[in-house]
PDB file of N, CA and C in Angstrom:
ATOM      1  N   MET A   1      -7.639   3.283 -10.774  1.00  0.00           N
ATOM      2  CA  MET A   1      -7.936   3.793  -9.198  1.00  0.00           C
ATOM      3  C   MET A   1      -7.135   4.442  -8.703  1.00  0.00           C
ATOM      4  N   ARG A   2      -6.897   5.391  -8.116  1.00  0.00           N
ATOM      5  CA  ARG A   2      -7.147   6.575  -7.443  1.00  0.00           C
ATOM      6  C   ARG A   2      -5.701   6.134  -6.095  1.00  0.00           C
ATOM      7  N   THR A   3      -4.558   5.745  -6.089  1.00  0.00           N
ATOM      8  CA  THR A   3      -4.138   5.513  -4.959  1.00  0.00           C
ATOM      9  C   THR A   3      -4.278   6.545  -3.440  1.00  0.00           C
ATOM     10  N   ALA A   4      -4.174   5.889  -2.543  1.00  0.00           N
ATOM     11  CA  ALA A   4      -4.940   7.423  -1.364  1.00  0.00           C
ATOM     12  C   ALA A   4      -3.880   6.710   0.145  1.00  0.00           C
ATOM     13  N   PHE A   5      -3.361   7.676   0.907  1.00  0.00           N
ATOM     14  CA  PHE A   5      -2.511   6.471   2.602  1.00  0.00           C
ATOM     15  C   PHE A   5      -3.673   7.143   3.135  1.00  0.00           C
ATOM     16  N   SER A   6      -3.542   6.581   4.113  1.00  0.00           N
ATOM     17  CA  SER A   6      -3.888   6.691   5.651  1.00  0.00           C
ATOM     18  C   SER A   6      -2.883   6.915   6.654  1.00  0.00           C
ATOM     19  N   ILE A   7      -3.378   7.674   7.580  1.00  0.00           N
ATOM     20  CA  ILE A   7      -2.545   7.890   8.855  1.00  0.00           C
ATOM     21  C   ILE A   7      -3.026   7.584  10.095  1.00  0.00           C
ATOM     22  N   ALA A   8      -2.315   7.021  10.455  1.00  0.00           N
ATOM     23  CA  ALA A   8      -2.885   6.798  11.938  1.00  0.00           C
ATOM     24  C   ALA A   8      -1.889   6.331  13.239  1.00  0.00           C
ATOM     25  N   PHE A   9      -2.098   7.020  14.538  1.00  0.00           N
ATOM     26  CA  PHE A   9      -1.690   6.610  15.541  1.00  0.00           C
ATOM     27  C   PHE A   9      -2.514   5.748  16.241  1.00  0.00           C
ATOM     28  N   ARG A  10      -1.857   4.545  16.414  1.00  0.00           N
ATOM     29  CA  ARG A  10      -2.317   3.512  17.657  1.00  0.00           C
ATOM     30  C   ARG A  10      -1.821   3.211  18.837  1.00  0.00           C
ATOM     31  N   ASP A  11      -2.396   3.101  20.023  1.00  0.00           N
ATOM     32  CA  ASP A  11      -2.918   2.721  20.988  1.00  0.00           C
ATOM     33  C   ASP A  11      -1.655   3.339  21.570  1.00  0.00           C
ATOM     34  N   ASP A  12      -0.411   2.037  21.359  1.00  0.00           N
ATOM     35  CA  ASP A  12       0.895   2.193  22.056  1.00  0.00           C
ATOM     36  C   ASP A  12       2.035   2.538  21.252  1.00  0.00           C
ATOM     37  N   GLY A  13       1.491   3.883  20.487  1.00  0.00           N
ATOM     38  CA  GLY A  13       2.371   5.173  19.708  1.00  0.00           C
ATOM     39  C   GLY A  13       2.776   4.534  18.272  1.00  0.00           C
ATOM     40  N   ARG A  14       2.349   3.831  17.381  1.00  0.00           N
ATOM     41  CA  ARG A  14       2.983   2.704  16.799  1.00  0.00           C
ATOM     42  C   ARG A  14       2.274   4.010  15.651  1.00  0.00           C
ATOM     43  N   LEU A  15       3.571   4.176  14.675  1.00  0.00           N
ATOM     44  CA  LEU A  15       2.867   5.209  13.499  1.00  0.00           C
ATOM     45  C   LEU A  15       1.443   4.025  12.383  1.00  0.00           C
ATOM     46  N   GLN A  16       0.689   3.998  11.983  1.00  0.00           N
ATOM     47  CA  GLN A  16       0.089   3.228  11.119  1.00  0.00           C
ATOM     48  C   GLN A  16      -0.353   3.319   9.988  1.00  0.00           C
ATOM     49  N   ILE A  17       0.950   3.566   8.131  1.00  0.00           N
ATOM     50  CA  ILE A  17       0.241   4.316   7.339  1.00  0.00           C
ATOM     51  C   ILE A  17       0.237   2.994   6.712  1.00  0.00           C
ATOM     52  N   GLY A  18      -1.413   3.299   5.336  1.00  0.00           N
ATOM     53  CA  GLY A  18      -2.124   2.631   5.220  1.00  0.00           C
ATOM     54  C   GLY A  18      -2.170   3.321   3.720  1.00  0.00           C
ATOM     55  N   VAL A  19      -2.228   2.288   3.154  1.00  0.00           N
ATOM     56  CA  VAL A  19      -1.836   2.440   1.365  1.00  0.00           C
ATOM     57  C   VAL A  19      -2.657   1.738   0.901  1.00  0.00           C
ATOM     58  N   SER A  20      -4.023   2.490   0.077  1.00  0.00           N
ATOM     59  CA  SER A  20      -4.804   1.430  -0.783  1.00  0.00           C
ATOM     60  C   SER A  20      -4.931   2.353  -1.966  1.00  0.00           C
ATOM     61  N   GLY A  21      -5.051   1.680  -3.388  1.00  0.00           N
ATOM     62  CA  GLY A  21      -5.137   1.861  -4.592  1.00  0.00           C
ATOM     63  C   GLY A  21      -3.672   0.573  -4.829  1.00  0.00           C
ATOM     64  N   LYS A  22      -2.549   2.044  -6.128  1.00  0.00           N
ATOM     65  CA  LYS A  22      -1.624   1.393  -6.528  1.00  0.00           C
ATOM     66  C   LYS A  22      -0.554   1.836  -5.822  1.00  0.00           C
ATOM     67  N   LEU A  23       0.507   1.285  -5.444  1.00  0.00           N
ATOM     68  CA  LEU A  23       2.075   2.292  -5.169  1.00  0.00           C
ATOM     69  C   LEU A  23       2.815   1.472  -5.739  1.00  0.00           C
ATOM     70  N   THR A  24       2.855   2.541  -6.747  1.00  0.00           N
ATOM     71  CA  THR A  24       3.709   2.775  -7.581  1.00  0.00           C
ATOM     72  C   THR A  24       4.246   4.780  -8.527  1.00  0.00           C
ATOM     73  N   GLY A  25       4.887   4.341  -9.090  1.00  0.00           N
ATOM     74  CA  GLY A  25       5.032   5.461  -9.932  1.00  0.00           C
ATOM     75  C   GLY A  25       5.177   6.836  -8.859  1.00  0.00           C
ATOM     76  N   HIS A  26       4.593   8.176  -9.163  1.00  0.00           N
ATOM     77  CA  HIS A  26       4.405   9.193  -8.191  1.00  0.00           C
ATOM     78  C   HIS A  26       4.318   8.844  -6.985  1.00  0.00           C
ATOM     79  N   ALA A  27       2.863   8.043  -6.933  1.00  0.00           N
ATOM     80  CA  ALA A  27       2.459   7.526  -5.090  1.00  0.00           C
ATOM     81  C   ALA A  27       3.530   6.784  -4.905  1.00  0.00           C
ATOM     82  N   ALA A  28       4.203   5.735  -5.461  1.00  0.00           N
ATOM     83  CA  ALA A  28       4.864   5.665  -4.526  1.00  0.00           C
ATOM     84  C   ALA A  28       6.362   6.260  -3.690  1.00  0.00           C
ATOM     85  N   ARG A  29       7.021   7.478  -5.142  1.00  0.00           N
ATOM     86  CA  ARG A  29       7.967   7.796  -4.183  1.00  0.00           C
ATOM     87  C   ARG A  29       7.842   9.292  -3.173  1.00  0.00           C
ATOM     88  N   GLU A  30       5.692   9.405  -3.239  1.00  0.00           N
ATOM     89  CA  GLU A  30       5.450  10.160  -2.261  1.00  0.00           C
ATOM     90  C   GLU A  30       5.305   9.694  -0.903  1.00  0.00           C
ATOM     91  N   GLY A  31       5.004   8.534  -0.825  1.00  0.00           N
ATOM     92  CA  GLY A  31       5.051   6.840   0.520  1.00  0.00           C
ATOM     93  C   GLY A  31       6.146   6.932   0.616  1.00  0.00           C
ATOM     94  N   LEU A  32       7.253   6.943  -0.233  1.00  0.00           N
ATOM     95  CA  LEU A  32       8.572   6.720   0.429  1.00  0.00           C
ATOM     96  C   LEU A  32       9.206   7.900   1.167  1.00  0.00           C
ATOM     97  N   ALA A  33       8.782   9.009   0.296  1.00  0.00           N
ATOM     98  CA  ALA A  33       9.414  10.594   1.614  1.00  0.00           C
ATOM     99  C   ALA A  33       8.245  10.513   2.844  1.00  0.00           C
ATOM    100  N   LEU A  34       7.186   9.901   2.853  1.00  0.00           N
ATOM    101  CA  LEU A  34       6.045  10.141   4.058  1.00  0.00           C
ATOM    102  C   LEU A  34       7.270   9.707   4.579  1.00  0.00           C
ATOM    103  N   LEU A  35       7.604   8.283   4.336  1.00  0.00           N
ATOM    104  CA  LEU A  35       8.249   7.620   5.594  1.00  0.00           C
ATOM    105  C   LEU A  35       9.071   7.769   6.278  1.00  0.00           C
ATOM    106  N   GLN A  36      10.211   7.618   5.017  1.00  0.00           N
ATOM    107  CA  GLN A  36      11.307   9.260   5.495  1.00  0.00           C
ATOM    108  C   GLN A  36      10.720   9.939   6.880  1.00  0.00           C
ATOM    109  N   LEU A  37       9.732  10.954   6.415  1.00  0.00           N
ATOM    110  CA  LEU A  37       9.746  12.066   7.305  1.00  0.00           C
ATOM    111  C   LEU A  37       9.146  11.469   7.887  1.00  0.00           C
ATOM    112  N   ALA A  38       8.820  10.320   8.455  1.00  0.00           N
ATOM    113  CA  ALA A  38       8.812   9.805  10.064  1.00  0.00           C
ATOM    114  C   ALA A  38       9.287   9.318  10.646  1.00  0.00           C
ATOM    115  N   VAL A  39       9.946   9.272   9.616  1.00  0.00           N
ATOM    116  CA  VAL A  39      12.113   8.243  10.731  1.00  0.00           C
ATOM    117  C   VAL A  39      12.442   9.441  10.883  1.00  0.00           C
ATOM    118  N   GLU A  40      12.687  10.766  10.385  1.00  0.00           N
ATOM    119  CA  GLU A  40      13.205  11.317  10.903  1.00  0.00           C
ATOM    120  C   GLU A  40      12.795  12.181  11.751  1.00  0.00           C
ATOM    121  N   GLN A  41      11.421  12.871  11.580  1.00  0.00           N
ATOM    122  CA  GLN A  41      10.720  13.641  12.532  1.00  0.00           C
ATOM    123  C   GLN A  41      11.124  12.428  14.201  1.00  0.00           C
ATOM    124  N   GLY A  42      11.472  11.553  14.006  1.00  0.00           N
ATOM    125  CA  GLY A  42      11.542  10.126  15.758  1.00  0.00           C
ATOM    126  C   GLY A  42      10.696   8.670  15.826  1.00  0.00           C
ATOM    127  N   ARG A  43       9.932   8.362  14.278  1.00  0.00           N
ATOM    128  CA  ARG A  43       9.117   7.286  14.642  1.00  0.00           C
ATOM    129  C   ARG A  43       9.897   6.262  14.367  1.00  0.00           C
ATOM    130  N   ARG A  44       9.949   5.465  15.256  1.00  0.00           N
ATOM    131  CA  ARG A  44      10.606   3.936  15.163  1.00  0.00           C
ATOM    132  C   ARG A  44      10.058   2.982  15.347  1.00  0.00           C
ATOM    133  N   LYS A  45       8.679   2.954  15.530  1.00  0.00           N
ATOM    134  CA  LYS A  45       7.547   1.993  15.607  1.00  0.00           C
ATOM    135  C   LYS A  45       6.633   2.373  14.094  1.00  0.00           C
ATOM    136  N   ILE A  46       6.645   1.316  13.587  1.00  0.00           N
ATOM    137  CA  ILE A  46       6.085   1.789  11.991  1.00  0.00           C
ATOM    138  C   ILE A  46       5.261   0.706  11.536  1.00  0.00           C
ATOM    139  N   THR A  47       3.987   0.670  11.170  1.00  0.00           N
ATOM    140  CA  THR A  47       3.521  -1.161  10.459  1.00  0.00           C
ATOM    141  C   THR A  47       2.988   0.254   9.122  1.00  0.00           C
ATOM    142  N   LEU A  48       2.964  -0.104   8.093  1.00  0.00           N
ATOM    143  CA  LEU A  48       2.613  -0.197   6.724  1.00  0.00           C
ATOM    144  C   LEU A  48       1.740  -1.446   5.992  1.00  0.00           C
ATOM    145  N   ASP A  49       0.118  -0.153   6.436  1.00  0.00           N
ATOM    146  CA  ASP A  49      -0.404  -1.425   5.788  1.00  0.00           C
ATOM    147  C   ASP A  49      -1.013  -1.550   4.555  1.00  0.00           C
ATOM    148  N   LEU A  50      -0.965  -2.588   3.721  1.00  0.00           N
ATOM    149  CA  LEU A  50      -0.658  -2.993   2.466  1.00  0.00           C
ATOM    150  C   LEU A  50      -2.157  -3.851   1.512  1.00  0.00           C
ATOM    151  N   ARG A  51      -2.339  -3.794   3.038  1.00  0.00           N
ATOM    152  CA  ARG A  51      -3.711  -4.831   2.493  1.00  0.00           C
ATOM    153  C   ARG A  51      -4.723  -4.726   1.673  1.00  0.00           C
ATOM    154  N   GLU A  52      -4.615  -3.187   0.822  1.00  0.00           N
ATOM    155  CA  GLU A  52      -5.872  -2.619   0.223  1.00  0.00           C
ATOM    156  C   GLU A  52      -4.816  -2.137  -0.607  1.00  0.00           C
ATOM    157  N   THR A  53      -3.794  -2.246  -1.405  1.00  0.00           N
ATOM    158  CA  THR A  53      -3.034  -1.895  -2.418  1.00  0.00           C
ATOM    159  C   THR A  53      -3.078  -3.134  -3.568  1.00  0.00           C
ATOM    160  N   THR A  54      -3.638  -2.402  -4.477  1.00  0.00           N
ATOM    161  CA  THR A  54      -3.012  -2.963  -6.027  1.00  0.00           C
ATOM    162  C   THR A  54      -2.324  -4.051  -6.267  1.00  0.00           C
ATOM    163  N   SER A  55      -1.171  -2.493  -6.469  1.00  0.00           N
ATOM    164  CA  SER A  55      -0.296  -3.892  -7.311  1.00  0.00           C
ATOM    165  C   SER A  55       1.017  -2.217  -7.344  1.00  0.00           C
ATOM    166  N   LEU A  56       2.022  -3.031  -7.317  1.00  0.00           N
ATOM    167  CA  LEU A  56       3.646  -2.099  -7.063  1.00  0.00           C
ATOM    168  C   LEU A  56       3.966  -2.035  -7.824  1.00  0.00           C
ATOM    169  N   ASP A  57       5.607  -1.232  -8.453  1.00  0.00           N
ATOM    170  CA  ASP A  57       6.151  -1.244  -9.577  1.00  0.00           C
ATOM    171  C   ASP A  57       8.112  -1.141  -8.998  1.00  0.00           C
ATOM    172  N   SER A  58       8.638  -0.976  -9.606  1.00  0.00           N
ATOM    173  CA  SER A  58      10.341  -0.808  -8.580  1.00  0.00           C
ATOM    174  C   SER A  58      10.433   0.129  -8.062  1.00  0.00           C
ATOM    175  N   LEU A  59       9.540   1.548  -8.464  1.00  0.00           N
ATOM    176  CA  LEU A  59       9.373   2.501  -7.090  1.00  0.00           C
ATOM    177  C   LEU A  59       8.753   2.436  -5.548  1.00  0.00           C
ATOM    178  N   GLY A  60       7.552   1.180  -5.907  1.00  0.00           N
ATOM    179  CA  GLY A  60       6.793   0.958  -4.671  1.00  0.00           C
ATOM    180  C   GLY A  60       7.861  -0.390  -4.125  1.00  0.00           C
ATOM    181  N   ILE A  61       8.781  -1.202  -4.841  1.00  0.00           N
ATOM    182  CA  ILE A  61       9.580  -1.368  -3.575  1.00  0.00           C
ATOM    183  C   ILE A  61      10.979  -1.227  -3.656  1.00  0.00           C
ATOM    184  N   ARG A  62      11.394   0.422  -4.083  1.00  0.00           N
ATOM    185  CA  ARG A  62      12.099   0.808  -3.326  1.00  0.00           C
ATOM    186  C   ARG A  62      11.573   1.056  -1.703  1.00  0.00           C
ATOM    187  N   ILE A  63      10.838   1.023  -1.390  1.00  0.00           N
ATOM    188  CA  ILE A  63      10.333   1.386  -0.304  1.00  0.00           C
ATOM    189  C   ILE A  63      10.602   0.404   0.662  1.00  0.00           C
ATOM    190  N   PHE A  64      10.342  -0.792   0.151  1.00  0.00           N
ATOM    191  CA  PHE A  64      11.103  -2.343   0.792  1.00  0.00           C
ATOM    192  C   PHE A  64      12.547  -1.882   0.664  1.00  0.00           C
ATOM    193  N   ASP A  65      13.366  -1.440  -0.013  1.00  0.00           N
ATOM    194  CA  ASP A  65      14.596  -1.971  -0.284  1.00  0.00           C
ATOM    195  C   ASP A  65      15.452  -0.649   1.317  1.00  0.00           C
ATOM    196  N   TRP A  66      14.127   0.730   1.023  1.00  0.00           N
ATOM    197  CA  TRP A  66      15.443   1.745   2.476  1.00  0.00           C
ATOM    198  C   TRP A  66      14.506   0.738   3.161  1.00  0.00           C
ATOM    199  N   ILE A  67      13.853   0.488   3.911  1.00  0.00           N
ATOM    200  CA  ILE A  67      13.485  -0.351   5.260  1.00  0.00           C
ATOM    201  C   ILE A  67      14.354  -1.177   5.282  1.00  0.00           C
ATOM    202  N   ARG A  68      15.288  -1.835   4.406  1.00  0.00           N
ATOM    203  CA  ARG A  68      15.915  -3.104   4.299  1.00  0.00           C
ATOM    204  C   ARG A  68      16.927  -2.398   5.167  1.00  0.00           C
ATOM    205  N   ASN A  69      17.335  -1.247   4.364  1.00  0.00           N
ATOM    206  CA  ASN A  69      19.057  -0.639   4.453  1.00  0.00           C
ATOM    207  C   ASN A  69      19.387   0.935   5.765  1.00  0.00           C
ATOM    208  N   GLN A  70      17.774   0.291   6.370  1.00  0.00           N
ATOM    209  CA  GLN A  70      17.543   0.626   8.101  1.00  0.00           C
ATOM    210  C   GLN A  70      18.514   0.202   9.081  1.00  0.00           C
ATOM    211  N   ASN A  71      19.254  -0.827   8.420  1.00  0.00           N
ATOM    212  CA  ASN A  71      19.635  -2.069   9.519  1.00  0.00           C
ATOM    213  C   ASN A  71      19.644  -1.835  10.471  1.00  0.00           C
ATOM    214  N   GLY A  72      18.059  -2.252  10.837  1.00  0.00           N
ATOM    215  CA  GLY A  72      17.076  -2.714  12.248  1.00  0.00           C
ATOM    216  C   GLY A  72      16.790  -1.420  13.310  1.00  0.00           C
ATOM    217  N   ASN A  73      17.753  -0.206  12.340  1.00  0.00           N
ATOM    218  CA  ASN A  73      17.136   0.995  13.519  1.00  0.00           C
ATOM    219  C   ASN A  73      15.420   0.733  13.792  1.00  0.00           C
ATOM    220  N   LEU A  74      14.502   0.121  12.882  1.00  0.00           N
ATOM    221  CA  LEU A  74      13.006   0.814  13.191  1.00  0.00           C
ATOM    222  C   LEU A  74      12.429  -0.368  13.714  1.00  0.00           C
ATOM    223  N   ASN A  75      11.490  -0.306  14.297  1.00  0.00           N
ATOM    224  CA  ASN A  75      10.244  -1.637  14.759  1.00  0.00           C
ATOM    225  C   ASN A  75       9.437  -1.811  13.754  1.00  0.00           C
ATOM    226  N   PHE A  76       9.302  -2.291  12.600  1.00  0.00           N
ATOM    227  CA  PHE A  76       8.408  -2.043  11.172  1.00  0.00           C
ATOM    228  C   PHE A  76       7.868  -3.863  10.904  1.00  0.00           C
ATOM    229  N   ASN A  77       6.150  -3.305  11.157  1.00  0.00           N
ATOM    230  CA  ASN A  77       5.585  -4.078  11.051  1.00  0.00           C
ATOM    231  C   ASN A  77       4.805  -4.158   9.196  1.00  0.00           C
ATOM    232  N   LEU A  78       5.020  -5.157   8.678  1.00  0.00           N
ATOM    233  CA  LEU A  78       4.197  -4.959   7.042  1.00  0.00           C
ATOM    234  C   LEU A  78       2.663  -6.027   7.615  1.00  0.00           C
ATOM    235  N   ILE A  79       2.232  -5.256   6.787  1.00  0.00           N
ATOM    236  CA  ILE A  79       0.810  -5.763   6.237  1.00  0.00           C
ATOM    237  C   ILE A  79       0.544  -6.686   5.182  1.00  0.00           C
ATOM    238  N   PRO A  80       1.177  -7.824   4.599  1.00  0.00           N
ATOM    239  CA  PRO A  80       1.195  -7.957   3.112  1.00  0.00           C
ATOM    240  C   PRO A  80      -0.602  -6.625   2.188  1.00  0.00           C
ATOM    241  N   PRO A  81      -0.641  -7.314   1.293  1.00  0.00           N
ATOM    242  CA  PRO A  81      -1.376  -6.959  -0.138  1.00  0.00           C
ATOM    243  C   PRO A  81      -2.263  -8.159  -0.084  1.00  0.00           C
ATOM    244  N   VAL A  82      -3.851  -7.772   0.525  1.00  0.00           N
ATOM    245  CA  VAL A  82      -4.389  -9.346  -0.123  1.00  0.00           C
ATOM    246  C   VAL A  82      -4.588  -9.534  -1.905  1.00  0.00           C
ATOM    247  N   LYS A  83      -4.432 -10.491  -2.269  1.00  0.00           N
ATOM    248  CA  LYS A  83      -4.864 -10.283  -3.733  1.00  0.00           C
ATOM    249  C   LYS A  83      -5.433  -9.017  -4.701  1.00  0.00           C
ATOM    250  N   GLY A  84      -5.435  -9.066  -5.078  1.00  0.00           N
ATOM    251  CA  GLY A  84      -6.788  -7.912  -6.073  1.00  0.00           C
ATOM    252  C   GLY A  84      -7.262  -8.737  -7.022  1.00  0.00           C
ATOM    253  N   VAL A  85      -8.587  -7.873  -7.485  1.00  0.00           N
ATOM    254  CA  VAL A  85      -9.110  -8.603  -8.471  1.00  0.00           C
ATOM    255  C   VAL A  85      -9.260  -7.844  -9.648  1.00  0.00           C
ATOM    256  N   SER A  86      -9.060  -8.021 -10.671  1.00  0.00           N
ATOM    257  CA  SER A  86      -8.761  -7.321 -11.824  1.00  0.00           C
ATOM    258  C   SER A  86      -9.893  -6.745 -12.034  1.00  0.00           C
ATOM    259  N   ASP A  87      -9.671  -6.078 -13.473  1.00  0.00           N
ATOM    260  CA  ASP A  87     -11.041  -4.605 -13.921  1.00  0.00           C
ATOM    261  C   ASP A  87     -11.714  -5.780 -15.023  1.00  0.00           C
ATOM    262  N   GLU A  88     -11.140  -6.736 -15.802  1.00  0.00           N
ATOM    263  CA  GLU A  88     -11.876  -8.054 -16.172  1.00  0.00           C
ATOM    264  C   GLU A  88     -13.110  -8.579 -15.098  1.00  0.00           C
ATOM    265  N   GLU A  89     -12.176  -8.840 -14.524  1.00  0.00           N
ATOM    266  CA  GLU A  89     -13.197  -9.839 -13.345  1.00  0.00           C
ATOM    267  C   GLU A  89     -13.988  -9.514 -12.360  1.00  0.00           C
ATOM    268  N   LEU A  90     -13.547  -7.893 -12.565  1.00  0.00           N
ATOM    269  CA  LEU A  90     -15.452  -6.188 -12.208  1.00  0.00           C
ATOM    270  C   LEU A  90     -16.091  -6.588 -12.463  1.00  0.00           C
ATOM    271  N   ALA A  91     -15.284  -5.897 -14.438  1.00  0.00           N
ATOM    272  CA  ALA A  91     -16.368  -5.945 -15.425  1.00  0.00           C
ATOM    273  C   ALA A  91     -17.725  -7.034 -15.404  1.00  0.00           C
ATOM    274  N   CYS A  92     -17.129  -8.215 -15.276  1.00  0.00           N
ATOM    275  CA  CYS A  92     -18.225  -9.523 -15.233  1.00  0.00           C
ATOM    276  C   CYS A  92     -19.092  -9.593 -13.716  1.00  0.00           C
ATOM    277  N   ILE A  93     -18.135  -9.041 -12.678  1.00  0.00           N
ATOM    278  CA  ILE A  93     -19.463  -9.036 -11.349  1.00  0.00           C
ATOM    279  C   ILE A  93     -20.313  -7.938 -12.145  1.00  0.00           C
ATOM    280  N   MET A  94     -19.694  -6.713 -12.416  1.00  0.00           N
ATOM    281  CA  MET A  94     -20.670  -5.789 -11.943  1.00  0.00           C
ATOM    282  C   MET A  94     -21.905  -5.297 -13.393  1.00  0.00           C
ATOM    283  N   VAL A  95     -22.022  -6.654 -13.708  1.00  0.00           N
ATOM    284  CA  VAL A  95     -22.792  -6.573 -15.928  1.00  0.00           C
ATOM    285  C   VAL A  95     -24.205  -7.465 -15.516  1.00  0.00           C
ATOM    286  N   ASN A  96     -24.613  -7.058 -15.323  1.00  0.00           N
ATOM    287  CA  ASN A  96     -26.195  -8.103 -15.472  1.00  0.00           C
ATOM    288  C   ASN A  96     -26.173  -9.591 -16.528  1.00  0.00           C
ATOM    289  N   LYS A  97     -26.865  -9.976 -15.969  1.00  0.00           N
ATOM    290  CA  LYS A  97     -26.909 -11.779 -16.644  1.00  0.00           C
ATOM    291  C   LYS A  97     -26.766 -12.043 -17.647  1.00  0.00           C
ATOM    292  N   SER A  98     -27.447 -11.211 -18.564  1.00  0.00           N
ATOM    293  CA  SER A  98     -27.529 -10.696 -20.034  1.00  0.00           C
ATOM    294  C   SER A  98     -26.953 -10.159 -20.301  1.00  0.00           C
ATOM    295  N   GLN A  99     -25.711  -9.345 -20.317  1.00  0.00           N
ATOM    296  CA  GLN A  99     -24.357  -9.010 -20.464  1.00  0.00           C
ATOM    297  C   GLN A  99     -23.221  -9.723 -19.850  1.00  0.00           C
ATOM    298  N   ALA A 100     -23.566 -10.433 -19.087  1.00  0.00           N
ATOM    299  CA  ALA A 100     -22.899 -11.192 -18.209  1.00  0.00           C
ATOM    300  C   ALA A 100     -22.517 -13.009 -19.689  1.00  0.00           C
ATOM    301  N   ASP A 101     -23.958 -13.230 -20.410  1.00  0.00           N
ATOM    302  CA  ASP A 101     -23.913 -14.392 -21.255  1.00  0.00           C
ATOM    303  C   ASP A 101     -23.107 -14.465 -22.107  1.00  0.00           C
ATOM    304  N   ARG A 102     -22.866 -12.493 -23.094  1.00  0.00           N
ATOM    305  CA  ARG A 102     -22.744 -12.479 -23.780  1.00  0.00           C
ATOM    306  C   ARG A 102     -21.295 -12.345 -23.515  1.00  0.00           C
ATOM    307  N   ILE A 103     -20.686 -11.883 -22.822  1.00  0.00           N
ATOM    308  CA  ILE A 103     -19.123 -12.182 -22.346  1.00  0.00           C
ATOM    309  C   ILE A 103     -18.518 -13.005 -22.513  1.00  0.00           C
ATOM    310  N   VAL A 104     -19.001 -14.068 -22.001  1.00  0.00           N
ATOM    311  CA  VAL A 104     -18.953 -15.722 -22.014  1.00  0.00           C
ATOM    312  C   VAL A 104     -18.830 -16.207 -23.352  1.00  0.00           C
TER     313      VAL A 104
END
């Protein structure tokens, strides 16, 4: 699955960053750089929307470590990820009944 970032400015001036896909590796580094750039530009009200995030690794966790190290200088909201569906579960959903009977 490809990782995508969405950026929106809400009516209350809050910056909302959405992440869909895997927040791992290079994408996690890009996400952290995006967040740091927003803060450097003066954005302090930020929402990180992870509802469509399917997985995190240690680089994805670095984003949360960085936020924690801001010592309360940010007005930060987090929308946690929704439990994802595994690739195997998706395969069972997408096959027809005769194929599903062979899988089981």
